[in-house]
Each structure stands twice: as structure tokens, then as C-alpha cells.
Amino acid sequence: MDKYLRMIFKTDQDRTVSIRVGVPREDLTAEEVKTVMDLIVTKNIVHSNSGNLVEVDSALLIETATTELDVTTAV
């Protein structure tokens, strides 16, 4: 199972921008994520084609499972 953190920000062009962080710590808290997201906005660290990041929108911890199907021997 793969797990990643997706941080979503609002921009000054009324769009959203996502930042994906692979392999987040198991004990990561919402407060820690919010603090980092606020810092990214305040310091204008990330630039995007969708505009400047101006506000924290949301954050998600996403887990995915992958099952490979062996199609080489399927009839």
C-alpha cells in the first residue's frame, strides 16, 4: 500500500494548486501540516502557472493499493 500527503492551496487567480509529498511520517499531525502550508503561503515558496498561492484549502492523506494482473497468461 502506498501513502502520500496532498496539500491543496488556493491561488490569486481563483484556482487550486496541489503539492504531493511521498512517504509522509506515520505520526504526522494536522497541526504540523497546517503550519507548513501556512509557511509555504507566507514565504511565497512555490510558484505556479495557476497564480500565487494565497490560502490553505485542504490536506489529504491518501493511501492506494495496487494489484498487478498477469495478462500474459490470461486466455
PDB file of N, CA and C in Angstrom:
ATOM      1  N   MET A   1       0.846  -1.177   0.000  1.00  0.00           N
ATOM      2  CA  MET A   1       0.000   0.000   0.000  1.00  0.00           C
ATOM      3  C   MET A   1       0.893   1.242   0.000  1.00  0.00           C
ATOM      4  N   ASP A   2       0.616   2.160  -0.913  1.00  0.00           N
ATOM      5  CA  ASP A   2       1.337   3.419  -0.987  1.00  0.00           C
ATOM      6  C   ASP A   2       0.547   4.491  -0.254  1.00  0.00           C
ATOM      7  N   LYS A   3       1.287   5.446   0.332  1.00  0.00           N
ATOM      8  CA  LYS A   3       0.649   6.521   1.071  1.00  0.00           C
ATOM      9  C   LYS A   3       1.356   7.825   0.722  1.00  0.00           C
ATOM     10  N   TYR A   4       0.571   8.894   0.536  1.00  0.00           N
ATOM     11  CA  TYR A   4       1.167  10.205   0.309  1.00  0.00           C
ATOM     12  C   TYR A   4       0.280  11.304   0.870  1.00  0.00           C
ATOM     13  N   LEU A   5       0.887  12.472   1.055  1.00  0.00           N
ATOM     14  CA  LEU A   5       0.193  13.653   1.548  1.00  0.00           C
ATOM     15  C   LEU A   5      -0.053  14.581   0.371  1.00  0.00           C
ATOM     16  N   ARG A   6      -1.282  15.048   0.239  1.00  0.00           N
ATOM     17  CA  ARG A   6      -1.628  16.012  -0.798  1.00  0.00           C
ATOM     18  C   ARG A   6      -2.078  17.296  -0.124  1.00  0.00           C
ATOM     19  N   MET A   7      -1.331  18.377  -0.361  1.00  0.00           N
ATOM     20  CA  MET A   7      -1.657  19.688   0.201  1.00  0.00           C
ATOM     21  C   MET A   7      -2.246  20.542  -0.921  1.00  0.00           C
ATOM     22  N   ILE A   8      -3.401  21.134  -0.677  1.00  0.00           N
ATOM     23  CA  ILE A   8      -4.116  21.889  -1.704  1.00  0.00           C
ATOM     24  C   ILE A   8      -4.223  23.352  -1.264  1.00  0.00           C
ATOM     25  N   PHE A   9      -3.856  24.236  -2.181  1.00  0.00           N
ATOM     26  CA  PHE A   9      -3.844  25.677  -1.911  1.00  0.00           C
ATOM     27  C   PHE A   9      -4.739  26.401  -2.910  1.00  0.00           C
ATOM     28  N   LYS A  10      -5.273  27.553  -2.498  1.00  0.00           N
ATOM     29  CA  LYS A  10      -5.998  28.445  -3.399  1.00  0.00           C
ATOM     30  C   LYS A  10      -5.001  29.474  -3.924  1.00  0.00           C
ATOM     31  N   THR A  11      -5.239  29.928  -5.179  1.00  0.00           N
ATOM     32  CA  THR A  11      -4.348  30.923  -5.771  1.00  0.00           C
ATOM     33  C   THR A  11      -5.063  32.254  -5.963  1.00  0.00           C
ATOM     34  N   ASP A  12      -4.269  33.269  -6.301  1.00  0.00           N
ATOM     35  CA  ASP A  12      -4.836  34.588  -6.551  1.00  0.00           C
ATOM     36  C   ASP A  12      -5.598  34.653  -7.876  1.00  0.00           C
ATOM     37  N   GLN A  13      -5.588  33.583  -8.641  1.00  0.00           N
ATOM     38  CA  GLN A  13      -6.359  33.509  -9.893  1.00  0.00           C
ATOM     39  C   GLN A  13      -7.598  32.635  -9.718  1.00  0.00           C
ATOM     40  N   ASP A  14      -8.015  32.447  -8.467  1.00  0.00           N
ATOM     41  CA  ASP A  14      -9.205  31.667  -8.113  1.00  0.00           C
ATOM     42  C   ASP A  14      -9.136  30.237  -8.653  1.00  0.00           C
ATOM     43  N   ARG A  15      -7.943  29.644  -8.541  1.00  0.00           N
ATOM     44  CA  ARG A  15      -7.718  28.259  -8.939  1.00  0.00           C
ATOM     45  C   ARG A  15      -7.116  27.523  -7.749  1.00  0.00           C
ATOM     46  N   THR A  16      -6.858  26.242  -7.907  1.00  0.00           N
ATOM     47  CA  THR A  16      -6.193  25.485  -6.850  1.00  0.00           C
ATOM     48  C   THR A  16      -4.915  24.860  -7.390  1.00  0.00           C
ATOM     49  N   VAL A  17      -3.971  24.676  -6.469  1.00  0.00           N
ATOM     50  CA  VAL A  17      -2.689  24.040  -6.769  1.00  0.00           C
ATOM     51  C   VAL A  17      -2.450  22.986  -5.703  1.00  0.00           C
ATOM     52  N   SER A  18      -1.998  21.817  -6.122  1.00  0.00           N
ATOM     53  CA  SER A  18      -1.714  20.724  -5.189  1.00  0.00           C
ATOM     54  C   SER A  18      -0.224  20.442  -5.147  1.00  0.00           C
ATOM     55  N   ILE A  19       0.238  20.115  -3.959  1.00  0.00           N
ATOM     56  CA  ILE A  19       1.606  19.647  -3.763  1.00  0.00           C
ATOM     57  C   ILE A  19       1.505  18.258  -3.161  1.00  0.00           C
ATOM     58  N   ARG A  20       2.204  17.322  -3.767  1.00  0.00           N
ATOM     59  CA  ARG A  20       2.178  15.931  -3.308  1.00  0.00           C
ATOM     60  C   ARG A  20       3.509  15.605  -2.637  1.00  0.00           C
ATOM     61  N   VAL A  21       3.424  15.057  -1.432  1.00  0.00           N
ATOM     62  CA  VAL A  21       4.609  14.649  -0.679  1.00  0.00           C
ATOM     63  C   VAL A  21       4.528  13.141  -0.471  1.00  0.00           C
ATOM     64  N   GLY A  22       5.481  12.416  -1.041  1.00  0.00           N
ATOM     65  CA  GLY A  22       5.500  10.968  -0.897  1.00  0.00           C
ATOM     66  C   GLY A  22       6.060  10.534   0.439  1.00  0.00           C
ATOM     67  N   VAL A  23       5.611   9.437   0.920  1.00  0.00           N
ATOM     68  CA  VAL A  23       6.066   8.786   2.150  1.00  0.00           C
ATOM     69  C   VAL A  23       6.051   9.746   3.348  1.00  0.00           C
ATOM     70  N   PRO A  24       4.871  10.230   3.728  1.00  0.00           N
ATOM     71  CA  PRO A  24       4.791  11.092   4.918  1.00  0.00           C
ATOM     72  C   PRO A  24       5.025  10.281   6.191  1.00  0.00           C
ATOM     73  N   ARG A  25       5.483  10.958   7.222  1.00  0.00           N
ATOM     74  CA  ARG A  25       5.681  10.300   8.519  1.00  0.00           C
ATOM     75  C   ARG A  25       4.371   9.691   9.006  1.00  0.00           C
ATOM     76  N   GLU A  26       4.475   8.562   9.680  1.00  0.00           N
ATOM     77  CA  GLU A  26       3.278   7.886  10.217  1.00  0.00           C
ATOM     78  C   GLU A  26       2.586   8.713  11.296  1.00  0.00           C
ATOM     79  N   ASP A  27       3.372   9.497  12.058  1.00  0.00           N
ATOM     80  CA  ASP A  27       2.797  10.259  13.170  1.00  0.00           C
ATOM     81  C   ASP A  27       2.517  11.718  12.800  1.00  0.00           C
ATOM     82  N   LEU A  28       2.404  12.021  11.522  1.00  0.00           N
ATOM     83  CA  LEU A  28       2.142  13.374  11.051  1.00  0.00           C
ATOM     84  C   LEU A  28       0.784  13.865  11.554  1.00  0.00           C
ATOM     85  N   THR A  29       0.755  15.107  12.060  1.00  0.00           N
ATOM     86  CA  THR A  29      -0.497  15.662  12.577  1.00  0.00           C
ATOM     87  C   THR A  29      -1.025  16.758  11.659  1.00  0.00           C
ATOM     88  N   ALA A  30      -2.309  17.021  11.777  1.00  0.00           N
ATOM     89  CA  ALA A  30      -2.937  18.085  11.002  1.00  0.00           C
ATOM     90  C   ALA A  30      -2.316  19.439  11.351  1.00  0.00           C
ATOM     91  N   GLU A  31      -1.983  19.632  12.602  1.00  0.00           N
ATOM     92  CA  GLU A  31      -1.368  20.897  13.035  1.00  0.00           C
ATOM     93  C   GLU A  31      -0.017  21.116  12.352  1.00  0.00           C
ATOM     94  N   GLU A  32       0.785  20.061  12.252  1.00  0.00           N
ATOM     95  CA  GLU A  32       2.083  20.169  11.588  1.00  0.00           C
ATOM     96  C   GLU A  32       1.916  20.495  10.106  1.00  0.00           C
ATOM     97  N   VAL A  33       0.976  19.847   9.469  1.00  0.00           N
ATOM     98  CA  VAL A  33       0.734  20.087   8.048  1.00  0.00           C
ATOM     99  C   VAL A  33       0.258  21.521   7.835  1.00  0.00           C
ATOM    100  N   LYS A  34      -0.659  21.981   8.659  1.00  0.00           N
ATOM    101  CA  LYS A  34      -1.176  23.358   8.553  1.00  0.00           C
ATOM    102  C   LYS A  34      -0.056  24.369   8.731  1.00  0.00           C
ATOM    103  N   THR A  35       0.832  24.135   9.685  1.00  0.00           N
ATOM    104  CA  THR A  35       1.956  25.038   9.926  1.00  0.00           C
ATOM    105  C   THR A  35       2.849  25.140   8.693  1.00  0.00           C
ATOM    106  N   VAL A  36       3.152  24.013   8.089  1.00  0.00           N
ATOM    107  CA  VAL A  36       3.994  24.002   6.885  1.00  0.00           C
ATOM    108  C   VAL A  36       3.271  24.681   5.720  1.00  0.00           C
ATOM    109  N   MET A  37       1.995  24.403   5.571  1.00  0.00           N
ATOM    110  CA  MET A  37       1.231  25.017   4.483  1.00  0.00           C
ATOM    111  C   MET A  37       1.168  26.535   4.645  1.00  0.00           C
ATOM    112  N   ASP A  38       0.948  26.998   5.866  1.00  0.00           N
ATOM    113  CA  ASP A  38       0.938  28.441   6.123  1.00  0.00           C
ATOM    114  C   ASP A  38       2.294  29.057   5.782  1.00  0.00           C
ATOM    115  N   LEU A  39       3.369  28.368   6.118  1.00  0.00           N
ATOM    116  CA  LEU A  39       4.712  28.848   5.822  1.00  0.00           C
ATOM    117  C   LEU A  39       4.935  28.941   4.310  1.00  0.00           C
ATOM    118  N   ILE A  40       4.481  27.947   3.573  1.00  0.00           N
ATOM    119  CA  ILE A  40       4.605  27.959   2.110  1.00  0.00           C
ATOM    120  C   ILE A  40       3.896  29.177   1.529  1.00  0.00           C
ATOM    121  N   VAL A  41       2.707  29.488   2.037  1.00  0.00           N
ATOM    122  CA  VAL A  41       1.952  30.647   1.555  1.00  0.00           C
ATOM    123  C   VAL A  41       2.646  31.946   1.970  1.00  0.00           C
ATOM    124  N   THR A  42       3.008  32.063   3.238  1.00  0.00           N
ATOM    125  CA  THR A  42       3.602  33.292   3.770  1.00  0.00           C
ATOM    126  C   THR A  42       4.926  33.640   3.098  1.00  0.00           C
ATOM    127  N   LYS A  43       5.768  32.644   2.895  1.00  0.00           N
ATOM    128  CA  LYS A  43       7.103  32.872   2.315  1.00  0.00           C
ATOM    129  C   LYS A  43       7.090  32.858   0.788  1.00  0.00           C
ATOM    130  N   ASN A  44       5.929  32.595   0.180  1.00  0.00           N
ATOM    131  CA  ASN A  44       5.794  32.539  -1.269  1.00  0.00           C
ATOM    132  C   ASN A  44       6.847  31.599  -1.870  1.00  0.00           C
ATOM    133  N   ILE A  45       6.942  30.416  -1.289  1.00  0.00           N
ATOM    134  CA  ILE A  45       7.971  29.436  -1.653  1.00  0.00           C
ATOM    135  C   ILE A  45       7.693  28.783  -3.002  1.00  0.00           C
ATOM    136  N   VAL A  46       6.440  28.516  -3.306  1.00  0.00           N
ATOM    137  CA  VAL A  46       6.075  27.774  -4.510  1.00  0.00           C
ATOM    138  C   VAL A  46       5.456  28.717  -5.538  1.00  0.00           C
ATOM    139  N   HIS A  47       5.929  28.605  -6.774  1.00  0.00           N
ATOM    140  CA  HIS A  47       5.364  29.398  -7.864  1.00  0.00           C
ATOM    141  C   HIS A  47       4.667  28.443  -8.823  1.00  0.00           C
ATOM    142  N   SER A  48       3.526  28.868  -9.343  1.00  0.00           N
ATOM    143  CA  SER A  48       2.795  28.001 -10.271  1.00  0.00           C
ATOM    144  C   SER A  48       2.233  28.814 -11.427  1.00  0.00           C
ATOM    145  N   ASN A  49       1.895  28.121 -12.490  1.00  0.00           N
ATOM    146  CA  ASN A  49       1.258  28.765 -13.641  1.00  0.00           C
ATOM    147  C   ASN A  49      -0.173  29.170 -13.332  1.00  0.00           C
ATOM    148  N   SER A  50      -0.725  28.661 -12.229  1.00  0.00           N
ATOM    149  CA  SER A  50      -2.105  28.960 -11.842  1.00  0.00           C
ATOM    150  C   SER A  50      -2.197  30.157 -10.911  1.00  0.00           C
ATOM    151  N   GLY A  51      -1.079  30.839 -10.671  1.00  0.00           N
ATOM    152  CA  GLY A  51      -1.077  32.020  -9.820  1.00  0.00           C
ATOM    153  C   GLY A  51      -0.318  31.800  -8.534  1.00  0.00           C
ATOM    154  N   ASN A  52      -0.219  32.861  -7.750  1.00  0.00           N
ATOM    155  CA  ASN A  52       0.456  32.797  -6.454  1.00  0.00           C
ATOM    156  C   ASN A  52      -0.434  32.110  -5.431  1.00  0.00           C
ATOM    157  N   LEU A  53       0.167  31.300  -4.581  1.00  0.00           N
ATOM    158  CA  LEU A  53      -0.595  30.641  -3.525  1.00  0.00           C
ATOM    159  C   LEU A  53      -0.943  31.685  -2.476  1.00  0.00           C
ATOM    160  N   VAL A  54      -2.231  31.796  -2.143  1.00  0.00           N
ATOM    161  CA  VAL A  54      -2.677  32.838  -1.227  1.00  0.00           C
ATOM    162  C   VAL A  54      -3.417  32.310  -0.003  1.00  0.00           C
ATOM    163  N   GLU A  55      -3.810  31.027  -0.050  1.00  0.00           N
ATOM    164  CA  GLU A  55      -4.604  30.496   1.062  1.00  0.00           C
ATOM    165  C   GLU A  55      -4.523  28.972   1.101  1.00  0.00           C
ATOM    166  N   VAL A  56      -4.536  28.443   2.316  1.00  0.00           N
ATOM    167  CA  VAL A  56      -4.602  26.993   2.510  1.00  0.00           C
ATOM    168  C   VAL A  56      -6.031  26.547   2.229  1.00  0.00           C
ATOM    169  N   ASP A  57      -6.186  25.513   1.426  1.00  0.00           N
ATOM    170  CA  ASP A  57      -7.513  24.983   1.127  1.00  0.00           C
ATOM    171  C   ASP A  57      -7.783  23.720   1.935  1.00  0.00           C
ATOM    172  N   SER A  58      -6.944  22.680   1.736  1.00  0.00           N
ATOM    173  CA  SER A  58      -7.162  21.415   2.437  1.00  0.00           C
ATOM    174  C   SER A  58      -5.910  20.551   2.344  1.00  0.00           C
ATOM    175  N   ALA A  59      -5.934  19.454   3.084  1.00  0.00           N
ATOM    176  CA  ALA A  59      -4.845  18.475   3.036  1.00  0.00           C
ATOM    177  C   ALA A  59      -5.449  17.083   3.176  1.00  0.00           C
ATOM    178  N   LEU A  60      -4.872  16.144   2.459  1.00  0.00           N
ATOM    179  CA  LEU A  60      -5.382  14.776   2.454  1.00  0.00           C
ATOM    180  C   LEU A  60      -4.230  13.790   2.606  1.00  0.00           C
ATOM    181  N   LEU A  61      -4.422  12.780   3.427  1.00  0.00           N
ATOM    182  CA  LEU A  61      -3.524  11.638   3.446  1.00  0.00           C
ATOM    183  C   LEU A  61      -4.189  10.577   2.594  1.00  0.00           C
ATOM    184  N   ILE A  62      -3.533  10.180   1.536  1.00  0.00           N
ATOM    185  CA  ILE A  62      -4.126   9.259   0.573  1.00  0.00           C
ATOM    186  C   ILE A  62      -3.353   7.945   0.578  1.00  0.00           C
ATOM    187  N   GLU A  63      -4.090   6.844   0.669  1.00  0.00           N
ATOM    188  CA  GLU A  63      -3.496   5.511   0.616  1.00  0.00           C
ATOM    189  C   GLU A  63      -4.036   4.800  -0.610  1.00  0.00           C
ATOM    190  N   THR A  64      -3.144   4.195  -1.367  1.00  0.00           N
ATOM    191  CA  THR A  64      -3.556   3.464  -2.558  1.00  0.00           C
ATOM    192  C   THR A  64      -3.019   2.043  -2.507  1.00  0.00           C
ATOM    193  N   ALA A  65      -3.777   1.146  -3.046  1.00  0.00           N
ATOM    194  CA  ALA A  65      -3.349  -0.250  -3.154  1.00  0.00           C
ATOM    195  C   ALA A  65      -3.289  -0.605  -4.634  1.00  0.00           C
ATOM    196  N   THR A  66      -2.246  -1.313  -5.012  1.00  0.00           N
ATOM    197  CA  THR A  66      -2.073  -1.717  -6.406  1.00  0.00           C
ATOM    198  C   THR A  66      -2.020  -3.229  -6.489  1.00  0.00           C
ATOM    199  N   THR A  67      -2.817  -3.766  -7.379  1.00  0.00           N
ATOM    200  CA  THR A  67      -2.805  -5.199  -7.620  1.00  0.00           C
ATOM    201  C   THR A  67      -2.489  -5.413  -9.095  1.00  0.00           C
ATOM    202  N   GLU A  68      -1.366  -6.072  -9.353  1.00  0.00           N
ATOM    203  CA  GLU A  68      -0.986  -6.327 -10.737  1.00  0.00           C
ATOM    204  C   GLU A  68      -1.709  -7.565 -11.232  1.00  0.00           C
ATOM    205  N   LEU A  69      -2.239  -7.467 -12.430  1.00  0.00           N
ATOM    206  CA  LEU A  69      -2.921  -8.585 -13.061  1.00  0.00           C
ATOM    207  C   LEU A  69      -1.984  -9.194 -14.110  1.00  0.00           C
ATOM    208  N   ASP A  70      -1.795 -10.479 -14.067  1.00  0.00           N
ATOM    209  CA  ASP A  70      -0.919 -11.153 -15.019  1.00  0.00           C
ATOM    210  C   ASP A  70      -1.706 -11.437 -16.293  1.00  0.00           C
ATOM    211  N   VAL A  71      -1.558 -10.551 -17.257  1.00  0.00           N
ATOM    212  CA  VAL A  71      -2.297 -10.691 -18.504  1.00  0.00           C
ATOM    213  C   VAL A  71      -1.526 -11.503 -19.553  1.00  0.00           C
ATOM    214  N   THR A  72      -0.309 -11.885 -19.225  1.00  0.00           N
ATOM    215  CA  THR A  72       0.478 -12.657 -20.187  1.00  0.00           C
ATOM    216  C   THR A  72      -0.013 -14.106 -20.300  1.00  0.00           C
ATOM    217  N   THR A  73      -0.668 -14.603 -19.240  1.00  0.00           N
ATOM    218  CA  THR A  73      -1.147 -15.991 -19.272  1.00  0.00           C
ATOM    219  C   THR A  73      -2.677 -16.071 -19.328  1.00  0.00           C
ATOM    220  N   ALA A  74      -3.333 -14.931 -19.364  1.00  0.00           N
ATOM    221  CA  ALA A  74      -4.801 -14.922 -19.412  1.00  0.00           C
ATOM    222  C   ALA A  74      -5.273 -15.376 -20.788  1.00  0.00           C
ATOM    223  N   VAL A  75      -6.413 -16.053 -20.806  1.00  0.00           N
ATOM    224  CA  VAL A  75      -6.975 -16.558 -22.063  1.00  0.00           C
ATOM    225  C   VAL A  75      -7.902 -15.535 -22.650  1.00  0.00           C
TER     226      VAL A  75
END
